[in-house]
Amino acid sequence: MAEKDITQKVLEQYNDVFMDIVNVLLFNGEMVVREDDLIDLPTSSSKKIG
């Protein structure tokens, strides 16, 4: 199961893939979020709370 999580995280680093995921899941496929709207931020500082 851990390998699937790693693969998902790698794919989500690509703005075009992340844009597609957001638009499909949140906006029923409508192009609301565009690739140019996204910026890359470091994720290594993310913490799991709980």
PDB file of N, CA and C in Angstrom:
ATOM      1  N   MET A   1       0.812  -1.189   0.000  1.00  0.00           N
ATOM      2  CA  MET A   1       0.000   0.000   0.000  1.00  0.00           C
ATOM      3  C   MET A   1       0.863   1.262   0.000  1.00  0.00           C
ATOM      4  N   ALA A   2       2.017   1.222   0.638  1.00  0.00           N
ATOM      5  CA  ALA A   2       2.889   2.394   0.699  1.00  0.00           C
ATOM      6  C   ALA A   2       3.380   2.798  -0.683  1.00  0.00           C
ATOM      7  N   GLU A   3       3.611   1.824  -1.552  1.00  0.00           N
ATOM      8  CA  GLU A   3       4.084   2.145  -2.903  1.00  0.00           C
ATOM      9  C   GLU A   3       3.035   2.948  -3.670  1.00  0.00           C
ATOM     10  N   LYS A   4       1.774   2.627  -3.505  1.00  0.00           N
ATOM     11  CA  LYS A   4       0.702   3.365  -4.167  1.00  0.00           C
ATOM     12  C   LYS A   4       0.696   4.812  -3.688  1.00  0.00           C
ATOM     13  N   ASP A   5       0.872   5.042  -2.400  1.00  0.00           N
ATOM     14  CA  ASP A   5       0.900   6.395  -1.856  1.00  0.00           C
ATOM     15  C   ASP A   5       2.050   7.197  -2.447  1.00  0.00           C
ATOM     16  N   ILE A   6       3.216   6.578  -2.580  1.00  0.00           N
ATOM     17  CA  ILE A   6       4.378   7.255  -3.148  1.00  0.00           C
ATOM     18  C   ILE A   6       4.108   7.619  -4.600  1.00  0.00           C
ATOM     19  N   THR A   7       3.527   6.710  -5.352  1.00  0.00           N
ATOM     20  CA  THR A   7       3.211   6.973  -6.751  1.00  0.00           C
ATOM     21  C   THR A   7       2.220   8.117  -6.869  1.00  0.00           C
ATOM     22  N   GLN A   8       1.202   8.133  -6.034  1.00  0.00           N
ATOM     23  CA  GLN A   8       0.218   9.225  -6.045  1.00  0.00           C
ATOM     24  C   GLN A   8       0.884  10.554  -5.743  1.00  0.00           C
ATOM     25  N   LYS A   9       1.742  10.591  -4.747  1.00  0.00           N
ATOM     26  CA  LYS A   9       2.400  11.840  -4.375  1.00  0.00           C
ATOM     27  C   LYS A   9       3.294  12.343  -5.498  1.00  0.00           C
ATOM     28  N   VAL A  10       3.976  11.440  -6.184  1.00  0.00           N
ATOM     29  CA  VAL A  10       4.834  11.838  -7.303  1.00  0.00           C
ATOM     30  C   VAL A  10       3.987  12.408  -8.428  1.00  0.00           C
ATOM     31  N   LEU A  11       2.892  11.752  -8.768  1.00  0.00           N
ATOM     32  CA  LEU A  11       2.025  12.239  -9.840  1.00  0.00           C
ATOM     33  C   LEU A  11       1.404  13.584  -9.492  1.00  0.00           C
ATOM     34  N   GLU A  12       1.044  13.784  -8.242  1.00  0.00           N
ATOM     35  CA  GLU A  12       0.411  15.033  -7.829  1.00  0.00           C
ATOM     36  C   GLU A  12       1.379  16.208  -7.846  1.00  0.00           C
ATOM     37  N   GLN A  13       2.681  15.942  -7.982  1.00  0.00           N
ATOM     38  CA  GLN A  13       3.659  17.018  -8.083  1.00  0.00           C
ATOM     39  C   GLN A  13       3.609  17.694  -9.448  1.00  0.00           C
ATOM     40  N   TYR A  14       3.029  17.048 -10.436  1.00  0.00           N
ATOM     41  CA  TYR A  14       2.902  17.625 -11.769  1.00  0.00           C
ATOM     42  C   TYR A  14       1.648  18.494 -11.798  1.00  0.00           C
ATOM     43  N   ASN A  15       1.827  19.765 -12.140  1.00  0.00           N
ATOM     44  CA  ASN A  15       0.699  20.694 -12.108  1.00  0.00           C
ATOM     45  C   ASN A  15      -0.448  20.262 -13.005  1.00  0.00           C
ATOM     46  N   ASP A  16      -0.156  19.697 -14.174  1.00  0.00           N
ATOM     47  CA  ASP A  16      -1.239  19.291 -15.078  1.00  0.00           C
ATOM     48  C   ASP A  16      -2.048  18.141 -14.503  1.00  0.00           C
ATOM     49  N   VAL A  17      -1.387  17.224 -13.812  1.00  0.00           N
ATOM     50  CA  VAL A  17      -2.095  16.098 -13.192  1.00  0.00           C
ATOM     51  C   VAL A  17      -2.924  16.599 -12.012  1.00  0.00           C
ATOM     52  N   PHE A  18      -2.329  17.431 -11.171  1.00  0.00           N
ATOM     53  CA  PHE A  18      -3.051  17.971 -10.020  1.00  0.00           C
ATOM     54  C   PHE A  18      -4.252  18.788 -10.473  1.00  0.00           C
ATOM     55  N   MET A  19      -4.073  19.585 -11.530  1.00  0.00           N
ATOM     56  CA  MET A  19      -5.162  20.387 -12.078  1.00  0.00           C
ATOM     57  C   MET A  19      -6.316  19.499 -12.523  1.00  0.00           C
ATOM     58  N   ASP A  20      -6.011  18.419 -13.214  1.00  0.00           N
ATOM     59  CA  ASP A  20      -7.057  17.494 -13.656  1.00  0.00           C
ATOM     60  C   ASP A  20      -7.794  16.872 -12.475  1.00  0.00           C
ATOM     61  N   ILE A  21      -7.056  16.464 -11.452  1.00  0.00           N
ATOM     62  CA  ILE A  21      -7.670  15.848 -10.274  1.00  0.00           C
ATOM     63  C   ILE A  21      -8.630  16.829  -9.606  1.00  0.00           C
ATOM     64  N   VAL A  22      -8.181  18.053  -9.392  1.00  0.00           N
ATOM     65  CA  VAL A  22      -9.017  19.065  -8.734  1.00  0.00           C
ATOM     66  C   VAL A  22     -10.253  19.371  -9.564  1.00  0.00           C
ATOM     67  N   ASN A  23     -10.067  19.579 -10.859  1.00  0.00           N
ATOM     68  CA  ASN A  23     -11.209  19.929 -11.708  1.00  0.00           C
ATOM     69  C   ASN A  23     -12.232  18.801 -11.799  1.00  0.00           C
ATOM     70  N   VAL A  24     -11.775  17.568 -11.855  1.00  0.00           N
ATOM     71  CA  VAL A  24     -12.713  16.441 -11.945  1.00  0.00           C
ATOM     72  C   VAL A  24     -13.441  16.232 -10.623  1.00  0.00           C
ATOM     73  N   LEU A  25     -12.702  16.224  -9.518  1.00  0.00           N
ATOM     74  CA  LEU A  25     -13.319  15.910  -8.229  1.00  0.00           C
ATOM     75  C   LEU A  25     -14.140  17.054  -7.641  1.00  0.00           C
ATOM     76  N   LEU A  26     -13.701  18.280  -7.845  1.00  0.00           N
ATOM     77  CA  LEU A  26     -14.389  19.410  -7.219  1.00  0.00           C
ATOM     78  C   LEU A  26     -15.344  20.147  -8.148  1.00  0.00           C
ATOM     79  N   PHE A  27     -15.072  20.109  -9.449  1.00  0.00           N
ATOM     80  CA  PHE A  27     -15.849  20.924 -10.382  1.00  0.00           C
ATOM     81  C   PHE A  27     -16.461  20.106 -11.514  1.00  0.00           C
ATOM     82  N   ASN A  28     -16.633  18.807 -11.295  1.00  0.00           N
ATOM     83  CA  ASN A  28     -17.267  17.921 -12.282  1.00  0.00           C
ATOM     84  C   ASN A  28     -16.641  18.018 -13.667  1.00  0.00           C
ATOM     85  N   GLY A  29     -15.333  18.194 -13.727  1.00  0.00           N
ATOM     86  CA  GLY A  29     -14.622  18.220 -14.998  1.00  0.00           C
ATOM     87  C   GLY A  29     -14.552  19.579 -15.668  1.00  0.00           C
ATOM     88  N   GLU A  30     -15.242  20.565 -15.121  1.00  0.00           N
ATOM     89  CA  GLU A  30     -15.185  21.916 -15.694  1.00  0.00           C
ATOM     90  C   GLU A  30     -13.808  22.518 -15.412  1.00  0.00           C
ATOM     91  N   MET A  31     -13.225  23.191 -16.395  1.00  0.00           N
ATOM     92  CA  MET A  31     -11.882  23.757 -16.259  1.00  0.00           C
ATOM     93  C   MET A  31     -11.918  25.049 -15.438  1.00  0.00           C
ATOM     94  N   VAL A  32     -11.992  24.902 -14.116  1.00  0.00           N
ATOM     95  CA  VAL A  32     -12.008  26.050 -13.214  1.00  0.00           C
ATOM     96  C   VAL A  32     -10.581  26.400 -12.812  1.00  0.00           C
ATOM     97  N   VAL A  33      -9.814  25.395 -12.414  1.00  0.00           N
ATOM     98  CA  VAL A  33      -8.414  25.573 -12.045  1.00  0.00           C
ATOM     99  C   VAL A  33      -7.573  25.297 -13.288  1.00  0.00           C
ATOM    100  N   ARG A  34      -6.689  26.228 -13.607  1.00  0.00           N
ATOM    101  CA  ARG A  34      -5.816  26.075 -14.771  1.00  0.00           C
ATOM    102  C   ARG A  34      -4.380  25.868 -14.294  1.00  0.00           C
ATOM    103  N   GLU A  35      -3.593  25.235 -15.139  1.00  0.00           N
ATOM    104  CA  GLU A  35      -2.210  24.923 -14.779  1.00  0.00           C
ATOM    105  C   GLU A  35      -1.434  26.193 -14.417  1.00  0.00           C
ATOM    106  N   ASP A  36      -1.706  27.289 -15.103  1.00  0.00           N
ATOM    107  CA  ASP A  36      -1.009  28.551 -14.830  1.00  0.00           C
ATOM    108  C   ASP A  36      -1.399  29.154 -13.480  1.00  0.00           C
ATOM    109  N   ASP A  37      -2.515  28.724 -12.909  1.00  0.00           N
ATOM    110  CA  ASP A  37      -2.963  29.225 -11.608  1.00  0.00           C
ATOM    111  C   ASP A  37      -2.185  28.596 -10.452  1.00  0.00           C
ATOM    112  N   LEU A  38      -1.481  27.513 -10.715  1.00  0.00           N
ATOM    113  CA  LEU A  38      -0.825  26.746  -9.658  1.00  0.00           C
ATOM    114  C   LEU A  38       0.631  27.164  -9.500  1.00  0.00           C
ATOM    115  N   ILE A  39       1.108  27.129  -8.267  1.00  0.00           N
ATOM    116  CA  ILE A  39       2.516  27.384  -7.988  1.00  0.00           C
ATOM    117  C   ILE A  39       3.062  26.215  -7.171  1.00  0.00           C
ATOM    118  N   ASP A  40       4.332  25.953  -7.335  1.00  0.00           N
ATOM    119  CA  ASP A  40       4.980  24.867  -6.604  1.00  0.00           C
ATOM    120  C   ASP A  40       5.463  25.380  -5.252  1.00  0.00           C
ATOM    121  N   LEU A  41       5.177  24.618  -4.211  1.00  0.00           N
ATOM    122  CA  LEU A  41       5.633  24.929  -2.865  1.00  0.00           C
ATOM    123  C   LEU A  41       6.285  23.692  -2.275  1.00  0.00           C
ATOM    124  N   PRO A  42       7.246  23.867  -1.384  1.00  0.00           N
ATOM    125  CA  PRO A  42       7.865  22.700  -0.755  1.00  0.00           C
ATOM    126  C   PRO A  42       6.858  21.962   0.124  1.00  0.00           C
ATOM    127  N   THR A  43       6.899  20.655   0.069  1.00  0.00           N
ATOM    128  CA  THR A  43       5.984  19.854   0.884  1.00  0.00           C
ATOM    129  C   THR A  43       6.703  19.138   2.010  1.00  0.00           C
ATOM    130  N   SER A  44       8.004  19.264   2.075  1.00  0.00           N
ATOM    131  CA  SER A  44       8.758  18.549   3.101  1.00  0.00           C
ATOM    132  C   SER A  44       8.459  19.060   4.503  1.00  0.00           C
ATOM    133  N   SER A  45       7.881  20.250   4.612  1.00  0.00           N
ATOM    134  CA  SER A  45       7.568  20.785   5.933  1.00  0.00           C
ATOM    135  C   SER A  45       6.177  20.389   6.412  1.00  0.00           C
ATOM    136  N   SER A  46       5.470  19.612   5.613  1.00  0.00           N
ATOM    137  CA  SER A  46       4.127  19.177   5.997  1.00  0.00           C
ATOM    138  C   SER A  46       4.206  18.247   7.194  1.00  0.00           C
ATOM    139  N   LYS A  47       3.280  18.402   8.120  1.00  0.00           N
ATOM    140  CA  LYS A  47       3.238  17.557   9.307  1.00  0.00           C
ATOM    141  C   LYS A  47       1.932  16.797   9.349  1.00  0.00           C
ATOM    142  N   LYS A  48       2.003  15.592   9.840  1.00  0.00           N
ATOM    143  CA  LYS A  48       0.797  14.819  10.087  1.00  0.00           C
ATOM    144  C   LYS A  48       0.379  15.088  11.526  1.00  0.00           C
ATOM    145  N   ILE A  49      -0.817  15.594  11.683  1.00  0.00           N
ATOM    146  CA  ILE A  49      -1.313  15.930  13.018  1.00  0.00           C
ATOM    147  C   ILE A  49      -2.273  14.842  13.472  1.00  0.00           C
ATOM    148  N   GLY A  50      -2.043  14.354  14.658  1.00  0.00           N
ATOM    149  CA  GLY A  50      -2.974  13.367  15.183  1.00  0.00           C
ATOM    150  C   GLY A  50      -2.384  12.059  15.517  1.00  0.00           C
TER     151      GLY A  50
END
